[in-house]
Amino acid sequence: MRILGIGAHPDDLEILCGGTLAKYSRNGHKISMAIVTDGSAGSTQYSVEELKKIRHDEAKKAAKLINAEFIWLGEPDEFFFENKETRNKILDLIRQAKPDLIITHAPSDYHPDHQAVSQAVLNASFVSSLANIKSKHEVHELVCPLYYMDTLAGVNFQPSEYVDITEHFDLKQKMLTCHSSQLKWLKEHDNIDALELIETVAKFRGYQSGVKYAEAFQLAPYWLRIKPARLLP
């Protein structure tokens, strides 16, 4: 299968579904990791332009660890909104990746960029199947099953499915460690040890599902998205 993960910021996919993407990759599936914004707000140490490059390079390095295609949209951090222009960009991203399944943010997540990306992906993933809507890439005829990844710290999220990432948790950690600028920023701004956070959440989701480490997901409950077979690894 072709799996497309769409994160609002560099590091979101690693934190919220990195183990699942690693597992898909190890099982022979083709992974694309798409980052919508440039992450340029997350520092007091670097200028906007410096941070754009740093975060681009960190995200690219993390994607390489699982042999994922890396796609960078470069929208302004903290100011992503769903409108005609951004819908066209997301639908063209989907047409470029031609996924069988999409993973993105839950609409209930805490950050406005996460919420906006969630809505944009839901809408664009339908529009991308319409041949009369033209873009750079050819139409993607499949209306993909869409999975929402866990929210940060699991707040306001009720999983419908779990993925056992016990054998892939070390790789998830390595992917997140690539984002060294954000490990420091999250500690400074939010008083969060990001590596400790992902282990705590993975253990908690593991307790819920009977394994050591797990990641949690919701299937987007919309017509054409629901399939009779399990698609998560």
C-alpha atoms as a PDB file:
ATOM      1  CA  MET A   1       0.000   0.000   0.000  1.00  0.00           C
ATOM      2  CA  ARG A   2       0.907   3.652  -0.301  1.00  0.00           C
ATOM      3  CA  ILE A   3       0.618   5.468   3.030  1.00  0.00           C
ATOM      4  CA  LEU A   4       0.498   9.269   3.269  1.00  0.00           C
ATOM      5  CA  GLY A   5       1.068  10.945   6.623  1.00  0.00           C
ATOM      6  CA  ILE A   6       0.207  14.656   6.685  1.00  0.00           C
ATOM      7  CA  GLY A   7       1.454  16.667   9.660  1.00  0.00           C
ATOM      8  CA  ALA A   8       0.951  20.342  10.370  1.00  0.00           C
ATOM      9  CA  HIS A   9       4.504  20.863  11.654  1.00  0.00           C
ATOM     10  CA  PRO A  10       7.859  19.143  11.425  1.00  0.00           C
ATOM     11  CA  ASP A  11       7.874  16.571  14.304  1.00  0.00           C
ATOM     12  CA  ASP A  12       4.071  16.078  14.519  1.00  0.00           C
ATOM     13  CA  LEU A  13       4.105  12.798  12.601  1.00  0.00           C
ATOM     14  CA  GLU A  14       7.050  11.487  14.602  1.00  0.00           C
ATOM     15  CA  ILE A  15       5.354  12.292  17.923  1.00  0.00           C
ATOM     16  CA  LEU A  16       1.865  11.066  17.047  1.00  0.00           C
ATOM     17  CA  CYS A  17       2.257   8.216  14.550  1.00  0.00           C
ATOM     18  CA  GLY A  18       5.980   7.664  13.991  1.00  0.00           C
ATOM     19  CA  GLY A  19       5.907   4.084  15.218  1.00  0.00           C
ATOM     20  CA  THR A  20       3.078   3.179  12.869  1.00  0.00           C
ATOM     21  CA  LEU A  21       4.815   4.745   9.874  1.00  0.00           C
ATOM     22  CA  ALA A  22       7.995   2.867  10.805  1.00  0.00           C
ATOM     23  CA  LYS A  23       6.021  -0.378  11.046  1.00  0.00           C
ATOM     24  CA  TYR A  24       4.396   0.165   7.649  1.00  0.00           C
ATOM     25  CA  SER A  25       7.820   0.836   6.155  1.00  0.00           C
ATOM     26  CA  ARG A  26       9.393  -2.253   7.702  1.00  0.00           C
ATOM     27  CA  ASN A  27       6.494  -4.288   6.285  1.00  0.00           C
ATOM     28  CA  GLY A  28       7.321  -3.131   2.758  1.00  0.00           C
ATOM     29  CA  HIS A  29       4.766  -0.371   2.229  1.00  0.00           C
ATOM     30  CA  LYS A  30       5.605   2.944   0.531  1.00  0.00           C
ATOM     31  CA  ILE A  31       5.512   5.893   2.938  1.00  0.00           C
ATOM     32  CA  SER A  32       5.181   9.608   2.183  1.00  0.00           C
ATOM     33  CA  MET A  33       5.632  12.134   4.996  1.00  0.00           C
ATOM     34  CA  ALA A  34       4.170  15.536   4.116  1.00  0.00           C
ATOM     35  CA  ILE A  35       4.750  18.597   6.306  1.00  0.00           C
ATOM     36  CA  VAL A  36       2.328  21.478   5.782  1.00  0.00           C
ATOM     37  CA  THR A  37       3.935  24.417   7.632  1.00  0.00           C
ATOM     38  CA  ASP A  38       7.541  25.525   7.908  1.00  0.00           C
ATOM     39  CA  GLY A  39       7.710  25.334  11.718  1.00  0.00           C
ATOM     40  CA  SER A  40       9.301  28.770  11.875  1.00  0.00           C
ATOM     41  CA  ALA A  41       7.617  29.890  15.115  1.00  0.00           C
ATOM     42  CA  GLY A  42       9.208  27.285  17.395  1.00  0.00           C
ATOM     43  CA  SER A  43      12.319  29.000  18.707  1.00  0.00           C
ATOM     44  CA  THR A  44      13.696  31.937  20.669  1.00  0.00           C
ATOM     45  CA  GLN A  45      17.231  31.128  19.528  1.00  0.00           C
ATOM     46  CA  TYR A  46      16.966  31.267  15.718  1.00  0.00           C
ATOM     47  CA  SER A  47      15.530  33.745  13.240  1.00  0.00           C
ATOM     48  CA  VAL A  48      12.532  32.759  11.135  1.00  0.00           C
ATOM     49  CA  GLU A  49      14.678  32.078   8.067  1.00  0.00           C
ATOM     50  CA  GLU A  50      17.274  30.128  10.035  1.00  0.00           C
ATOM     51  CA  LEU A  51      14.609  28.016  11.696  1.00  0.00           C
ATOM     52  CA  LYS A  52      12.843  27.231   8.416  1.00  0.00           C
ATOM     53  CA  LYS A  53      16.004  25.595   7.103  1.00  0.00           C
ATOM     54  CA  ILE A  54      16.800  23.833  10.380  1.00  0.00           C
ATOM     55  CA  ARG A  55      13.339  22.338  10.643  1.00  0.00           C
ATOM     56  CA  HIS A  56      13.237  21.328   6.989  1.00  0.00           C
ATOM     57  CA  ASP A  57      16.533  19.502   7.389  1.00  0.00           C
ATOM     58  CA  GLU A  58      15.488  17.850  10.665  1.00  0.00           C
ATOM     59  CA  ALA A  59      12.244  16.558   9.143  1.00  0.00           C
ATOM     60  CA  LYS A  60      14.002  15.295   6.024  1.00  0.00           C
ATOM     61  CA  LYS A  61      16.534  13.426   8.169  1.00  0.00           C
ATOM     62  CA  ALA A  62      13.742  11.786  10.190  1.00  0.00           C
ATOM     63  CA  ALA A  63      11.872  10.707   7.042  1.00  0.00           C
ATOM     64  CA  LYS A  64      15.046   9.148   5.669  1.00  0.00           C
ATOM     65  CA  LEU A  65      15.244   6.807   8.678  1.00  0.00           C
ATOM     66  CA  ILE A  66      12.177   4.958   7.393  1.00  0.00           C
ATOM     67  CA  ASN A  67      12.901   5.491   3.685  1.00  0.00           C
ATOM     68  CA  ALA A  68       9.873   7.767   3.386  1.00  0.00           C
ATOM     69  CA  GLU A  69       9.261  10.184   0.552  1.00  0.00           C
ATOM     70  CA  PHE A  70       9.606  13.677   2.040  1.00  0.00           C
ATOM     71  CA  ILE A  71       7.183  16.409   0.937  1.00  0.00           C
ATOM     72  CA  TRP A  72       7.487  19.985   2.234  1.00  0.00           C
ATOM     73  CA  LEU A  73       4.701  22.511   1.587  1.00  0.00           C
ATOM     74  CA  GLY A  74       6.268  25.415   3.516  1.00  0.00           C
ATOM     75  CA  GLU A  75       3.099  27.206   4.619  1.00  0.00           C
ATOM     76  CA  PRO A  76       3.561  29.836   7.379  1.00  0.00           C
ATOM     77  CA  ASP A  77       3.656  28.375  10.878  1.00  0.00           C
ATOM     78  CA  GLU A  78       0.693  29.343  13.115  1.00  0.00           C
ATOM     79  CA  PHE A  79      -1.242  30.794  10.171  1.00  0.00           C
ATOM     80  CA  PHE A  80      -2.543  27.829   8.204  1.00  0.00           C
ATOM     81  CA  PHE A  81      -6.206  28.202   7.285  1.00  0.00           C
ATOM     82  CA  GLU A  82      -8.414  26.158   5.011  1.00  0.00           C
ATOM     83  CA  ASN A  83      -9.329  28.189   1.951  1.00  0.00           C
ATOM     84  CA  LYS A  84      -9.361  27.724  -1.831  1.00  0.00           C
ATOM     85  CA  GLU A  85      -5.597  28.135  -2.177  1.00  0.00           C
ATOM     86  CA  THR A  86      -4.650  25.739   0.608  1.00  0.00           C
ATOM     87  CA  ARG A  87      -7.293  23.194  -0.425  1.00  0.00           C
ATOM     88  CA  ASN A  88      -5.747  23.153  -3.886  1.00  0.00           C
ATOM     89  CA  LYS A  89      -2.291  22.587  -2.379  1.00  0.00           C
ATOM     90  CA  ILE A  90      -3.479  19.700  -0.213  1.00  0.00           C
ATOM     91  CA  LEU A  91      -5.452  18.047  -3.010  1.00  0.00           C
ATOM     92  CA  ASP A  92      -2.420  18.269  -5.284  1.00  0.00           C
ATOM     93  CA  LEU A  93      -0.270  16.770  -2.530  1.00  0.00           C
ATOM     94  CA  ILE A  94      -2.696  13.832  -2.340  1.00  0.00           C
ATOM     95  CA  ARG A  95      -2.632  13.431  -6.111  1.00  0.00           C
ATOM     96  CA  GLN A  96       1.165  13.457  -6.017  1.00  0.00           C
ATOM     97  CA  ALA A  97       1.388  10.715  -3.367  1.00  0.00           C
ATOM     98  CA  LYS A  98      -1.533   8.619  -4.716  1.00  0.00           C
ATOM     99  CA  PRO A  99      -2.160   7.033  -1.291  1.00  0.00           C
ATOM    100  CA  ASP A 100      -4.285   4.058  -0.377  1.00  0.00           C
ATOM    101  CA  LEU A 101      -4.620   5.457   3.147  1.00  0.00           C
ATOM    102  CA  ILE A 102      -4.054   8.858   4.775  1.00  0.00           C
ATOM    103  CA  ILE A 103      -3.104   9.601   8.386  1.00  0.00           C
ATOM    104  CA  THR A 104      -3.453  13.148   9.719  1.00  0.00           C
ATOM    105  CA  HIS A 105      -4.423  15.200  12.761  1.00  0.00           C
ATOM    106  CA  ALA A 106      -7.607  14.726  14.732  1.00  0.00           C
ATOM    107  CA  PRO A 107     -10.015  17.677  14.500  1.00  0.00           C
ATOM    108  CA  SER A 108     -10.069  17.766  18.315  1.00  0.00           C
ATOM    109  CA  ASP A 109      -6.329  18.397  18.725  1.00  0.00           C
ATOM    110  CA  TYR A 110      -5.148  21.424  20.682  1.00  0.00           C
ATOM    111  CA  HIS A 111      -3.335  23.458  18.030  1.00  0.00           C
ATOM    112  CA  PRO A 112      -5.156  25.633  15.459  1.00  0.00           C
ATOM    113  CA  ASP A 113      -2.816  24.476  12.683  1.00  0.00           C
ATOM    114  CA  HIS A 114      -3.600  20.847  13.586  1.00  0.00           C
ATOM    115  CA  GLN A 115      -7.328  21.556  13.463  1.00  0.00           C
ATOM    116  CA  ALA A 116      -7.094  23.393  10.144  1.00  0.00           C
ATOM    117  CA  VAL A 117      -4.929  20.697   8.542  1.00  0.00           C
ATOM    118  CA  SER A 118      -7.383  18.037   9.714  1.00  0.00           C
ATOM    119  CA  GLN A 119     -10.293  19.797   8.029  1.00  0.00           C
ATOM    120  CA  ALA A 120      -8.284  20.614   4.912  1.00  0.00           C
ATOM    121  CA  VAL A 121      -7.191  16.993   4.470  1.00  0.00           C
ATOM    122  CA  LEU A 122     -10.729  15.670   4.949  1.00  0.00           C
ATOM    123  CA  ASN A 123     -12.102  18.023   2.315  1.00  0.00           C
ATOM    124  CA  ALA A 124      -9.222  17.825  -0.160  1.00  0.00           C
ATOM    125  CA  SER A 125      -9.079  14.042  -0.058  1.00  0.00           C
ATOM    126  CA  PHE A 126     -12.556  13.973  -1.570  1.00  0.00           C
ATOM    127  CA  VAL A 127     -11.971  16.780  -4.056  1.00  0.00           C
ATOM    128  CA  SER A 128      -8.728  15.142  -5.247  1.00  0.00           C
ATOM    129  CA  SER A 129     -10.861  12.359  -6.776  1.00  0.00           C
ATOM    130  CA  LEU A 130     -12.801  14.745  -9.043  1.00  0.00           C
ATOM    131  CA  ALA A 131     -11.425  14.817 -12.591  1.00  0.00           C
ATOM    132  CA  ASN A 132     -12.954  18.204 -13.411  1.00  0.00           C
ATOM    133  CA  ILE A 133     -10.916  19.836 -10.641  1.00  0.00           C
ATOM    134  CA  LYS A 134      -7.557  20.393 -12.313  1.00  0.00           C
ATOM    135  CA  SER A 135      -4.158  20.654 -10.642  1.00  0.00           C
ATOM    136  CA  LYS A 136      -0.500  19.946 -11.359  1.00  0.00           C
ATOM    137  CA  HIS A 137      -0.890  16.194 -10.823  1.00  0.00           C
ATOM    138  CA  GLU A 138      -3.376  13.772 -12.325  1.00  0.00           C
ATOM    139  CA  VAL A 139      -6.616  12.942 -10.519  1.00  0.00           C
ATOM    140  CA  HIS A 140      -6.452  10.339  -7.738  1.00  0.00           C
ATOM    141  CA  GLU A 141      -9.558   8.242  -8.289  1.00  0.00           C
ATOM    142  CA  LEU A 142      -9.648   6.712  -4.804  1.00  0.00           C
ATOM    143  CA  VAL A 143     -11.404   8.500  -1.951  1.00  0.00           C
ATOM    144  CA  CYS A 144      -8.950   7.289   0.686  1.00  0.00           C
ATOM    145  CA  PRO A 145      -9.719   5.854   4.072  1.00  0.00           C
ATOM    146  CA  LEU A 146      -8.647   8.553   6.513  1.00  0.00           C
ATOM    147  CA  TYR A 147      -7.280   7.915   9.997  1.00  0.00           C
ATOM    148  CA  TYR A 148      -6.870  10.546  12.676  1.00  0.00           C
ATOM    149  CA  MET A 149      -3.746  10.086  14.786  1.00  0.00           C
ATOM    150  CA  ASP A 150      -3.743  10.629  18.535  1.00  0.00           C
ATOM    151  CA  THR A 151      -3.867  14.136  19.976  1.00  0.00           C
ATOM    152  CA  LEU A 152      -0.956  15.473  21.990  1.00  0.00           C
ATOM    153  CA  ALA A 153      -0.903  13.564  25.298  1.00  0.00           C
ATOM    154  CA  GLY A 154      -4.134  11.828  24.224  1.00  0.00           C
ATOM    155  CA  VAL A 155      -6.334  14.689  25.453  1.00  0.00           C
ATOM    156  CA  ASN A 156      -9.929  14.641  24.127  1.00  0.00           C
ATOM    157  CA  PHE A 157      -9.331  11.580  21.919  1.00  0.00           C
ATOM    158  CA  GLN A 158     -11.269   8.316  21.895  1.00  0.00           C
ATOM    159  CA  PRO A 159      -9.406   5.659  19.881  1.00  0.00           C
ATOM    160  CA  SER A 160     -11.191   3.240  17.595  1.00  0.00           C
ATOM    161  CA  GLU A 161      -8.037   1.274  16.676  1.00  0.00           C
ATOM    162  CA  TYR A 162      -4.561   0.652  18.078  1.00  0.00           C
ATOM    163  CA  VAL A 163      -1.252  -0.295  16.476  1.00  0.00           C
ATOM    164  CA  ASP A 164       1.321  -2.347  18.380  1.00  0.00           C
ATOM    165  CA  ILE A 165       4.601  -0.437  17.935  1.00  0.00           C
ATOM    166  CA  THR A 166       6.622  -2.349  20.540  1.00  0.00           C
ATOM    167  CA  GLU A 167       9.189  -3.539  17.998  1.00  0.00           C
ATOM    168  CA  HIS A 168       9.361  -0.113  16.350  1.00  0.00           C
ATOM    169  CA  PHE A 169       9.409   2.204  19.357  1.00  0.00           C
ATOM    170  CA  ASP A 170      13.191   2.616  19.280  1.00  0.00           C
ATOM    171  CA  LEU A 171      12.952   3.829  15.691  1.00  0.00           C
ATOM    172  CA  LYS A 172      10.161   6.249  16.634  1.00  0.00           C
ATOM    173  CA  GLN A 173      12.502   7.683  19.288  1.00  0.00           C
ATOM    174  CA  LYS A 174      15.326   8.028  16.770  1.00  0.00           C
ATOM    175  CA  MET A 175      13.015   9.836  14.359  1.00  0.00           C
ATOM    176  CA  LEU A 176      11.986  12.333  17.029  1.00  0.00           C
ATOM    177  CA  THR A 177      15.586  12.813  18.152  1.00  0.00           C
ATOM    178  CA  CYS A 178      16.308  14.203  14.678  1.00  0.00           C
ATOM    179  CA  HIS A 179      14.268  17.254  15.736  1.00  0.00           C
ATOM    180  CA  SER A 180      16.850  18.556  18.198  1.00  0.00           C
ATOM    181  CA  SER A 181      15.701  22.178  17.876  1.00  0.00           C
ATOM    182  CA  GLN A 182      12.226  21.182  19.045  1.00  0.00           C
ATOM    183  CA  LEU A 183      13.318  18.976  21.923  1.00  0.00           C
ATOM    184  CA  LYS A 184      14.862  22.127  23.368  1.00  0.00           C
ATOM    185  CA  TRP A 185      11.944  24.400  22.405  1.00  0.00           C
ATOM    186  CA  LEU A 186       9.261  22.138  23.878  1.00  0.00           C
ATOM    187  CA  LYS A 187      11.173  22.032  27.142  1.00  0.00           C
ATOM    188  CA  GLU A 188      11.523  25.823  27.218  1.00  0.00           C
ATOM    189  CA  HIS A 189       8.039  26.791  26.040  1.00  0.00           C
ATOM    190  CA  ASP A 190       5.810  23.976  27.321  1.00  0.00           C
ATOM    191  CA  ASN A 191       7.963  22.352  30.014  1.00  0.00           C
ATOM    192  CA  ILE A 192       7.710  19.059  28.108  1.00  0.00           C
ATOM    193  CA  ASP A 193      10.358  16.400  27.731  1.00  0.00           C
ATOM    194  CA  ALA A 194       9.180  15.196  24.320  1.00  0.00           C
ATOM    195  CA  LEU A 195      10.982  11.849  24.473  1.00  0.00           C
ATOM    196  CA  GLU A 196       9.477  11.147  27.888  1.00  0.00           C
ATOM    197  CA  LEU A 197       6.060  12.225  26.583  1.00  0.00           C
ATOM    198  CA  ILE A 198       6.024   9.807  23.655  1.00  0.00           C
ATOM    199  CA  GLU A 199       7.082   6.917  25.876  1.00  0.00           C
ATOM    200  CA  THR A 200       4.431   7.715  28.488  1.00  0.00           C
ATOM    201  CA  VAL A 201       1.660   7.956  25.886  1.00  0.00           C
ATOM    202  CA  ALA A 202       2.836   4.808  24.072  1.00  0.00           C
ATOM    203  CA  LYS A 203       2.840   2.900  27.371  1.00  0.00           C
ATOM    204  CA  PHE A 204      -0.640   4.182  28.242  1.00  0.00           C
ATOM    205  CA  ARG A 205      -2.027   3.223  24.833  1.00  0.00           C
ATOM    206  CA  GLY A 206      -0.203  -0.081  25.230  1.00  0.00           C
ATOM    207  CA  TYR A 207      -1.927  -0.722  28.567  1.00  0.00           C
ATOM    208  CA  GLN A 208      -5.264  -0.064  26.878  1.00  0.00           C
ATOM    209  CA  SER A 209      -4.563  -2.521  24.062  1.00  0.00           C
ATOM    210  CA  GLY A 210      -2.565  -5.217  25.848  1.00  0.00           C
ATOM    211  CA  VAL A 211       0.938  -4.574  24.466  1.00  0.00           C
ATOM    212  CA  LYS A 212       4.052  -2.776  25.699  1.00  0.00           C
ATOM    213  CA  TYR A 213       3.856   0.233  23.349  1.00  0.00           C
ATOM    214  CA  ALA A 214       1.006   1.305  21.076  1.00  0.00           C
ATOM    215  CA  GLU A 215      -0.290   4.234  19.047  1.00  0.00           C
ATOM    216  CA  ALA A 216      -3.968   5.116  18.862  1.00  0.00           C
ATOM    217  CA  PHE A 217      -6.143   6.153  15.920  1.00  0.00           C
ATOM    218  CA  GLN A 218      -9.700   7.034  14.955  1.00  0.00           C
ATOM    219  CA  LEU A 219     -11.150   6.101  11.584  1.00  0.00           C
ATOM    220  CA  ALA A 220     -12.780   9.205  10.103  1.00  0.00           C
ATOM    221  CA  PRO A 221     -16.472   8.202  10.146  1.00  0.00           C
ATOM    222  CA  TYR A 222     -17.536   9.377   6.716  1.00  0.00           C
ATOM    223  CA  TRP A 223     -19.135   7.731   3.708  1.00  0.00           C
ATOM    224  CA  LEU A 224     -16.638   6.260   1.212  1.00  0.00           C
ATOM    225  CA  ARG A 225     -13.921   6.139   3.905  1.00  0.00           C
ATOM    226  CA  ILE A 226     -15.084   3.056   5.779  1.00  0.00           C
ATOM    227  CA  LYS A 227     -13.747  -0.305   4.581  1.00  0.00           C
ATOM    228  CA  PRO A 228     -14.561  -3.826   5.838  1.00  0.00           C
ATOM    229  CA  ALA A 229     -10.894  -4.834   6.293  1.00  0.00           C
ATOM    230  CA  ARG A 230      -8.347  -3.543   8.812  1.00  0.00           C
ATOM    231  CA  LEU A 231      -5.830  -1.307   7.054  1.00  0.00           C
ATOM    232  CA  LEU A 232      -3.602  -0.266   9.948  1.00  0.00           C
ATOM    233  CA  PRO A 233      -0.579  -2.557  10.456  1.00  0.00           C
END
